[in-house]
Amino acid sequence: MLLMSFGCQTISHAQKSDNPEPLQVRTSSIEDSPEETLAIARYYKKRFNGRKTSSGAIYNPKKLTAAHPTLPLGTQVKVVNLVNNKSVIVTINDRCREHEESFIDLSREAARQIGMIGQGKATVRIIIVENDNQSDEISDIEQK
């Protein structure tokens, strides 16, 4: 049964190969680098509340999480809404199907924080957060 025609889908362990290819970020323009890319962001529909994600965690719309087709699970990324320059740091804990353009599926709270609830989708910049700065940037977000 197709869970969702657009956006996120959970990939079962049976579908994953024993020797997966190295995961890479697809870039959408010459300005992009492997550490950051332009993408289309959408957010999870309410019907996914409480469902298991690809990482095994239960989806909680109040957590700062996201689905991405290729980034390793557990990767933290900063997502910047290009319309209003609002940003949020999320943890990749789920998979979504690949699209022609780069894509990320945000939790409802992450979407709210960058001001895209109501629009349904937004053009964003995805920036991989370096390990040294993760705790500082997460603390900054938690204080807001």
N, C-alpha and C. Protein backbone atom coordinates (compact mmCIF):
# COMPACT_ATOMS: atom_id res chain seq x y z
N MET A 1 0.84 -1.18 0.00
CA MET A 1 0.00 0.00 0.00
C MET A 1 0.88 1.24 0.00
N LEU A 2 0.61 2.13 -0.85
CA LEU A 2 1.38 3.37 -0.94
C LEU A 2 0.99 4.27 0.21
N LEU A 3 1.98 4.61 1.07
CA LEU A 3 1.68 5.44 2.24
C LEU A 3 1.36 6.87 1.87
N MET A 4 2.08 7.40 0.90
CA MET A 4 1.88 8.80 0.56
C MET A 4 2.38 9.00 -0.85
N SER A 5 1.60 9.63 -1.69
CA SER A 5 2.03 9.78 -3.07
C SER A 5 3.09 10.84 -3.24
N PHE A 6 3.14 11.80 -2.35
CA PHE A 6 4.18 12.82 -2.40
C PHE A 6 4.82 12.90 -1.04
N GLY A 7 6.12 12.98 -1.00
CA GLY A 7 6.78 13.18 0.27
C GLY A 7 7.37 11.94 0.86
N CYS A 8 7.13 11.75 2.12
CA CYS A 8 7.83 10.75 2.91
C CYS A 8 7.25 9.37 2.76
N GLN A 9 8.12 8.40 2.74
CA GLN A 9 7.69 7.00 2.84
C GLN A 9 8.72 6.26 3.66
N THR A 10 8.26 5.35 4.45
CA THR A 10 9.17 4.55 5.26
C THR A 10 9.67 3.39 4.42
N ILE A 11 10.96 3.10 4.51
CA ILE A 11 11.57 2.01 3.77
C ILE A 11 11.85 0.90 4.77
N SER A 12 11.31 -0.27 4.53
CA SER A 12 11.53 -1.37 5.47
C SER A 12 12.95 -1.89 5.36
N HIS A 13 13.39 -2.55 6.41
CA HIS A 13 14.74 -3.12 6.41
C HIS A 13 14.90 -4.15 5.30
N ALA A 14 13.81 -4.81 4.93
CA ALA A 14 13.87 -5.83 3.88
C ALA A 14 14.18 -5.20 2.52
N GLN A 15 13.80 -3.94 2.35
CA GLN A 15 14.05 -3.28 1.07
C GLN A 15 15.49 -2.78 0.94
N LYS A 16 16.18 -2.64 2.05
CA LYS A 16 17.55 -2.13 2.01
C LYS A 16 18.50 -3.24 1.61
N SER A 17 19.50 -2.92 0.81
CA SER A 17 20.47 -3.94 0.42
C SER A 17 21.49 -4.13 1.53
N ASP A 18 22.15 -5.29 1.53
CA ASP A 18 23.16 -5.56 2.54
C ASP A 18 24.40 -4.70 2.34
N ASN A 19 24.68 -4.31 1.11
CA ASN A 19 25.83 -3.47 0.81
C ASN A 19 25.36 -2.19 0.12
N PRO A 20 24.78 -1.25 0.88
CA PRO A 20 24.26 -0.05 0.24
C PRO A 20 25.39 0.80 -0.33
N GLU A 21 25.07 1.51 -1.41
CA GLU A 21 26.03 2.43 -2.01
C GLU A 21 26.25 3.59 -1.05
N PRO A 22 27.42 4.26 -1.13
CA PRO A 22 27.64 5.42 -0.26
C PRO A 22 26.56 6.47 -0.51
N LEU A 23 26.07 7.07 0.58
CA LEU A 23 25.03 8.08 0.46
C LEU A 23 25.66 9.42 0.12
N GLN A 24 25.06 10.12 -0.82
CA GLN A 24 25.55 11.43 -1.22
C GLN A 24 24.38 12.38 -1.34
N VAL A 25 24.64 13.67 -1.14
CA VAL A 25 23.62 14.69 -1.31
C VAL A 25 23.59 15.07 -2.78
N ARG A 26 22.38 15.02 -3.38
CA ARG A 26 22.25 15.50 -4.75
C ARG A 26 22.19 17.02 -4.70
N THR A 27 22.91 17.66 -5.58
CA THR A 27 22.86 19.12 -5.61
C THR A 27 22.01 19.57 -6.77
N SER A 28 21.44 20.79 -6.63
CA SER A 28 20.51 21.25 -7.65
C SER A 28 21.02 22.43 -8.45
N SER A 29 22.19 22.96 -8.12
CA SER A 29 22.74 24.04 -8.93
C SER A 29 24.25 24.08 -8.76
N ILE A 30 24.91 24.85 -9.62
CA ILE A 30 26.36 24.95 -9.58
C ILE A 30 26.83 25.59 -8.28
N GLU A 31 26.02 26.47 -7.66
CA GLU A 31 26.39 27.13 -6.41
C GLU A 31 26.48 26.15 -5.25
N ASP A 32 25.78 25.03 -5.34
CA ASP A 32 25.71 24.09 -4.24
C ASP A 32 27.02 23.33 -4.07
N SER A 33 27.23 22.82 -2.87
CA SER A 33 28.39 21.98 -2.57
C SER A 33 27.88 20.73 -1.88
N PRO A 34 28.75 19.72 -1.66
CA PRO A 34 28.28 18.51 -0.97
C PRO A 34 27.76 18.80 0.44
N GLU A 35 28.19 19.91 1.07
CA GLU A 35 27.76 20.24 2.42
C GLU A 35 26.47 21.04 2.46
N GLU A 36 26.08 21.65 1.35
CA GLU A 36 24.83 22.40 1.33
C GLU A 36 24.21 22.35 -0.06
N THR A 37 22.88 22.42 -0.08
CA THR A 37 22.16 22.30 -1.33
C THR A 37 20.82 23.03 -1.25
N LEU A 38 20.32 23.45 -2.38
CA LEU A 38 18.97 24.00 -2.46
C LEU A 38 18.01 22.84 -2.60
N ALA A 39 16.84 22.96 -1.98
CA ALA A 39 15.87 21.86 -2.02
C ALA A 39 14.46 22.40 -1.85
N ILE A 40 13.50 21.54 -2.14
CA ILE A 40 12.11 21.82 -1.84
C ILE A 40 11.79 21.14 -0.52
N ALA A 41 11.20 21.88 0.42
CA ALA A 41 10.80 21.30 1.70
C ALA A 41 9.28 21.21 1.76
N ARG A 42 8.81 20.11 2.29
CA ARG A 42 7.41 19.93 2.63
C ARG A 42 7.39 19.43 4.05
N TYR A 43 6.20 19.22 4.61
CA TYR A 43 6.16 18.67 5.96
C TYR A 43 5.19 17.50 6.02
N TYR A 44 5.40 16.66 7.05
CA TYR A 44 4.62 15.45 7.22
C TYR A 44 3.13 15.77 7.38
N LYS A 45 2.31 14.94 6.80
CA LYS A 45 0.86 15.05 7.01
C LYS A 45 0.53 14.49 8.39
N LYS A 46 -0.60 14.93 8.93
CA LYS A 46 -1.01 14.51 10.28
C LYS A 46 -1.16 13.00 10.40
N ARG A 47 -1.48 12.33 9.32
CA ARG A 47 -1.70 10.88 9.41
C ARG A 47 -0.43 10.09 9.76
N PHE A 48 0.74 10.72 9.69
CA PHE A 48 1.99 10.04 10.04
C PHE A 48 2.30 10.10 11.53
N ASN A 49 1.54 10.88 12.32
CA ASN A 49 1.76 10.98 13.76
C ASN A 49 1.75 9.59 14.38
N GLY A 50 2.78 9.27 15.14
CA GLY A 50 2.85 8.01 15.85
C GLY A 50 3.36 6.83 15.03
N ARG A 51 3.63 7.02 13.75
CA ARG A 51 4.15 5.92 12.93
C ARG A 51 5.65 5.79 13.10
N LYS A 52 6.14 4.58 12.86
CA LYS A 52 7.57 4.30 12.96
C LYS A 52 8.30 4.88 11.75
N THR A 53 9.45 5.53 11.99
CA THR A 53 10.29 6.07 10.92
C THR A 53 11.32 5.02 10.51
N SER A 54 12.07 5.30 9.46
CA SER A 54 13.11 4.39 8.99
C SER A 54 14.17 4.10 10.04
N SER A 55 14.39 5.06 10.94
CA SER A 55 15.40 4.86 11.99
C SER A 55 14.87 4.01 13.13
N GLY A 56 13.57 3.74 13.14
CA GLY A 56 12.95 3.00 14.23
C GLY A 56 12.27 3.89 15.25
N ALA A 57 12.57 5.19 15.21
CA ALA A 57 11.93 6.14 16.13
C ALA A 57 10.48 6.34 15.71
N ILE A 58 9.64 6.69 16.66
CA ILE A 58 8.24 7.01 16.38
C ILE A 58 8.17 8.48 15.99
N TYR A 59 7.48 8.78 14.87
CA TYR A 59 7.37 10.16 14.42
C TYR A 59 6.54 10.96 15.43
N ASN A 60 7.12 12.07 15.87
CA ASN A 60 6.45 13.00 16.78
C ASN A 60 6.48 14.36 16.10
N PRO A 61 5.32 14.94 15.79
CA PRO A 61 5.30 16.22 15.07
C PRO A 61 5.91 17.38 15.84
N LYS A 62 6.11 17.21 17.16
CA LYS A 62 6.68 18.29 17.98
C LYS A 62 8.20 18.23 18.05
N LYS A 63 8.82 17.17 17.52
CA LYS A 63 10.28 17.04 17.51
C LYS A 63 10.84 17.68 16.25
N LEU A 64 12.11 18.05 16.29
CA LEU A 64 12.78 18.66 15.15
C LEU A 64 13.49 17.57 14.35
N THR A 65 12.71 16.91 13.49
CA THR A 65 13.22 15.80 12.69
C THR A 65 12.84 16.00 11.23
N ALA A 66 13.44 15.17 10.37
CA ALA A 66 13.15 15.28 8.94
C ALA A 66 13.45 13.97 8.23
N ALA A 67 12.88 13.85 7.04
CA ALA A 67 13.16 12.72 6.15
C ALA A 67 13.92 13.25 4.95
N HIS A 68 14.90 12.47 4.50
CA HIS A 68 15.69 12.82 3.32
C HIS A 68 16.01 11.54 2.58
N PRO A 69 16.04 11.57 1.24
CA PRO A 69 16.26 10.32 0.51
C PRO A 69 17.67 9.75 0.61
N THR A 70 18.69 10.56 0.86
CA THR A 70 20.06 10.05 0.79
C THR A 70 20.96 10.37 1.98
N LEU A 71 20.69 11.41 2.74
CA LEU A 71 21.57 11.73 3.86
C LEU A 71 21.52 10.62 4.91
N PRO A 72 22.66 10.30 5.52
CA PRO A 72 22.66 9.24 6.53
C PRO A 72 21.73 9.56 7.70
N LEU A 73 21.05 8.55 8.20
CA LEU A 73 20.20 8.73 9.37
C LEU A 73 21.07 9.22 10.52
N GLY A 74 20.54 10.17 11.29
CA GLY A 74 21.29 10.75 12.40
C GLY A 74 22.02 12.04 12.03
N THR A 75 22.10 12.35 10.73
CA THR A 75 22.75 13.58 10.29
C THR A 75 21.93 14.79 10.74
N GLN A 76 22.60 15.80 11.27
CA GLN A 76 21.91 17.04 11.61
C GLN A 76 22.14 18.05 10.50
N VAL A 77 21.06 18.70 10.08
CA VAL A 77 21.15 19.70 9.03
C VAL A 77 20.41 20.96 9.45
N LYS A 78 20.93 22.07 9.00
CA LYS A 78 20.27 23.36 9.18
C LYS A 78 19.44 23.59 7.93
N VAL A 79 18.16 23.90 8.11
CA VAL A 79 17.26 24.15 6.99
C VAL A 79 16.87 25.62 7.04
N VAL A 80 17.17 26.37 5.97
CA VAL A 80 16.91 27.80 5.91
C VAL A 80 15.85 28.06 4.86
N ASN A 81 14.73 28.68 5.27
CA ASN A 81 13.68 29.08 4.34
C ASN A 81 14.18 30.31 3.58
N LEU A 82 14.30 30.21 2.27
CA LEU A 82 14.88 31.30 1.48
C LEU A 82 13.96 32.51 1.37
N VAL A 83 12.67 32.35 1.64
CA VAL A 83 11.74 33.48 1.56
C VAL A 83 11.89 34.42 2.75
N ASN A 84 12.04 33.86 3.96
CA ASN A 84 12.07 34.70 5.16
C ASN A 84 13.37 34.58 5.97
N ASN A 85 14.29 33.75 5.51
CA ASN A 85 15.60 33.53 6.15
C ASN A 85 15.50 32.90 7.55
N LYS A 86 14.35 32.33 7.92
CA LYS A 86 14.23 31.62 9.19
C LYS A 86 14.88 30.25 9.03
N SER A 87 15.49 29.76 10.12
CA SER A 87 16.18 28.47 10.03
C SER A 87 15.89 27.61 11.25
N VAL A 88 16.14 26.32 11.08
CA VAL A 88 15.97 25.35 12.14
C VAL A 88 16.97 24.23 11.91
N ILE A 89 17.43 23.60 12.99
CA ILE A 89 18.31 22.44 12.87
C ILE A 89 17.47 21.20 13.16
N VAL A 90 17.51 20.24 12.23
CA VAL A 90 16.75 19.00 12.37
C VAL A 90 17.69 17.81 12.26
N THR A 91 17.22 16.67 12.78
CA THR A 91 17.94 15.42 12.67
C THR A 91 17.23 14.55 11.65
N ILE A 92 17.99 14.01 10.69
CA ILE A 92 17.42 13.10 9.69
C ILE A 92 17.17 11.76 10.38
N ASN A 93 15.89 11.36 10.47
CA ASN A 93 15.57 10.07 11.10
C ASN A 93 14.62 9.23 10.25
N ASP A 94 14.39 9.67 9.00
CA ASP A 94 13.47 8.94 8.14
C ASP A 94 13.90 9.12 6.69
N ARG A 95 13.33 8.30 5.84
CA ARG A 95 13.58 8.37 4.41
C ARG A 95 12.33 8.87 3.69
N CYS A 96 12.55 9.54 2.59
CA CYS A 96 11.45 9.89 1.70
C CYS A 96 11.92 9.52 0.30
N ARG A 97 10.98 9.33 -0.58
CA ARG A 97 11.38 8.90 -1.92
C ARG A 97 12.09 10.04 -2.64
N GLU A 98 12.95 9.65 -3.57
CA GLU A 98 13.68 10.65 -4.34
C GLU A 98 12.76 11.33 -5.32
N HIS A 99 13.01 12.60 -5.55
CA HIS A 99 12.27 13.41 -6.51
C HIS A 99 13.25 13.90 -7.56
N GLU A 100 12.74 14.49 -8.62
CA GLU A 100 13.64 15.05 -9.64
C GLU A 100 14.49 16.15 -9.03
N GLU A 101 13.90 16.97 -8.16
CA GLU A 101 14.64 18.02 -7.48
C GLU A 101 15.03 17.52 -6.10
N SER A 102 16.01 18.15 -5.48
CA SER A 102 16.38 17.79 -4.11
C SER A 102 15.19 18.05 -3.21
N PHE A 103 15.07 17.27 -2.14
CA PHE A 103 13.84 17.28 -1.36
C PHE A 103 14.12 16.95 0.10
N ILE A 104 13.37 17.57 1.01
CA ILE A 104 13.41 17.22 2.43
C ILE A 104 11.98 17.32 2.96
N ASP A 105 11.63 16.41 3.85
CA ASP A 105 10.30 16.38 4.45
C ASP A 105 10.46 16.67 5.95
N LEU A 106 9.93 17.79 6.42
CA LEU A 106 10.14 18.25 7.79
C LEU A 106 9.01 17.85 8.73
N SER A 107 9.34 17.72 10.02
CA SER A 107 8.29 17.56 11.02
C SER A 107 7.48 18.85 11.04
N ARG A 108 6.28 18.77 11.59
CA ARG A 108 5.42 19.96 11.63
C ARG A 108 6.05 21.08 12.46
N GLU A 109 6.71 20.75 13.57
CA GLU A 109 7.35 21.78 14.39
C GLU A 109 8.48 22.46 13.63
N ALA A 110 9.28 21.70 12.92
CA ALA A 110 10.36 22.30 12.12
C ALA A 110 9.77 23.22 11.05
N ALA A 111 8.70 22.77 10.40
CA ALA A 111 8.04 23.59 9.37
C ALA A 111 7.49 24.88 9.99
N ARG A 112 6.91 24.76 11.19
CA ARG A 112 6.37 25.94 11.88
C ARG A 112 7.48 26.94 12.18
N GLN A 113 8.63 26.43 12.65
CA GLN A 113 9.72 27.32 13.04
C GLN A 113 10.30 28.09 11.86
N ILE A 114 10.22 27.54 10.66
CA ILE A 114 10.74 28.29 9.51
C ILE A 114 9.62 28.99 8.73
N GLY A 115 8.43 28.98 9.28
CA GLY A 115 7.34 29.76 8.72
C GLY A 115 6.74 29.23 7.43
N MET A 116 6.65 27.91 7.29
CA MET A 116 6.09 27.37 6.04
C MET A 116 4.76 26.65 6.22
N ILE A 117 4.22 26.62 7.45
CA ILE A 117 2.89 26.03 7.64
C ILE A 117 1.90 26.91 6.89
N GLY A 118 1.06 26.30 6.14
CA GLY A 118 0.09 27.05 5.34
C GLY A 118 0.47 27.08 3.87
N GLN A 119 1.76 27.27 3.59
CA GLN A 119 2.21 27.26 2.20
C GLN A 119 2.29 25.84 1.67
N GLY A 120 2.59 24.88 2.53
CA GLY A 120 2.69 23.49 2.11
C GLY A 120 4.08 23.10 1.65
N LYS A 121 4.77 24.01 0.98
CA LYS A 121 6.15 23.73 0.58
C LYS A 121 6.92 25.04 0.50
N ALA A 122 8.24 24.92 0.54
CA ALA A 122 9.11 26.10 0.49
C ALA A 122 10.44 25.70 -0.14
N THR A 123 11.09 26.68 -0.75
CA THR A 123 12.45 26.47 -1.23
C THR A 123 13.38 26.77 -0.07
N VAL A 124 14.26 25.82 0.21
CA VAL A 124 15.15 25.94 1.37
C VAL A 124 16.58 25.63 0.97
N ARG A 125 17.49 26.05 1.83
CA ARG A 125 18.88 25.64 1.73
C ARG A 125 19.12 24.66 2.86
N ILE A 126 19.70 23.50 2.52
CA ILE A 126 20.02 22.48 3.51
C ILE A 126 21.54 22.52 3.71
N ILE A 127 21.95 22.72 4.96
CA ILE A 127 23.37 22.82 5.29
C ILE A 127 23.70 21.74 6.32
N ILE A 128 24.62 20.86 6.00
CA ILE A 128 25.04 19.84 6.96
C ILE A 128 25.75 20.52 8.11
N VAL A 129 25.34 20.20 9.33
CA VAL A 129 25.93 20.81 10.53
C VAL A 129 27.15 20.02 10.92
N GLU A 130 28.26 20.71 11.12
CA GLU A 130 29.50 20.06 11.54
C GLU A 130 29.40 19.63 12.99
N ASN A 131 30.03 18.52 13.34
CA ASN A 131 29.96 17.98 14.70
C ASN A 131 30.42 18.95 15.77
N ASP A 132 31.47 19.76 15.51
CA ASP A 132 31.99 20.67 16.54
C ASP A 132 30.97 21.72 16.93
N ASN A 133 30.14 22.16 15.96
CA ASN A 133 29.22 23.25 16.20
C ASN A 133 27.82 22.78 16.58
N GLN A 134 27.56 21.50 16.54
CA GLN A 134 26.20 21.01 16.76
C GLN A 134 25.64 21.44 18.10
N SER A 135 26.39 21.27 19.18
CA SER A 135 25.85 21.57 20.49
C SER A 135 25.59 23.07 20.65
N ASP A 136 26.47 23.94 20.10
CA ASP A 136 26.27 25.38 20.19
C ASP A 136 25.01 25.80 19.44
N GLU A 137 24.85 25.31 18.21
CA GLU A 137 23.71 25.71 17.40
C GLU A 137 22.41 25.16 17.97
N ILE A 138 22.44 23.95 18.51
CA ILE A 138 21.23 23.38 19.10
C ILE A 138 20.85 24.18 20.35
N SER A 139 21.83 24.58 21.15
CA SER A 139 21.55 25.40 22.34
C SER A 139 20.93 26.71 21.95
N ASP A 140 21.43 27.35 20.87
CA ASP A 140 20.87 28.60 20.38
C ASP A 140 19.40 28.44 20.03
N ILE A 141 19.07 27.36 19.35
CA ILE A 141 17.68 27.13 18.93
C ILE A 141 16.80 26.88 20.15
N GLU A 142 17.29 26.09 21.11
CA GLU A 142 16.48 25.76 22.29
C GLU A 142 16.20 27.01 23.13
N GLN A 143 17.08 28.02 23.09
CA GLN A 143 16.88 29.23 23.87
C GLN A 143 15.84 30.14 23.24
N LYS A 144 15.58 29.99 21.93
CA LYS A 144 14.63 30.88 21.24
C LYS A 144 13.21 30.57 21.60
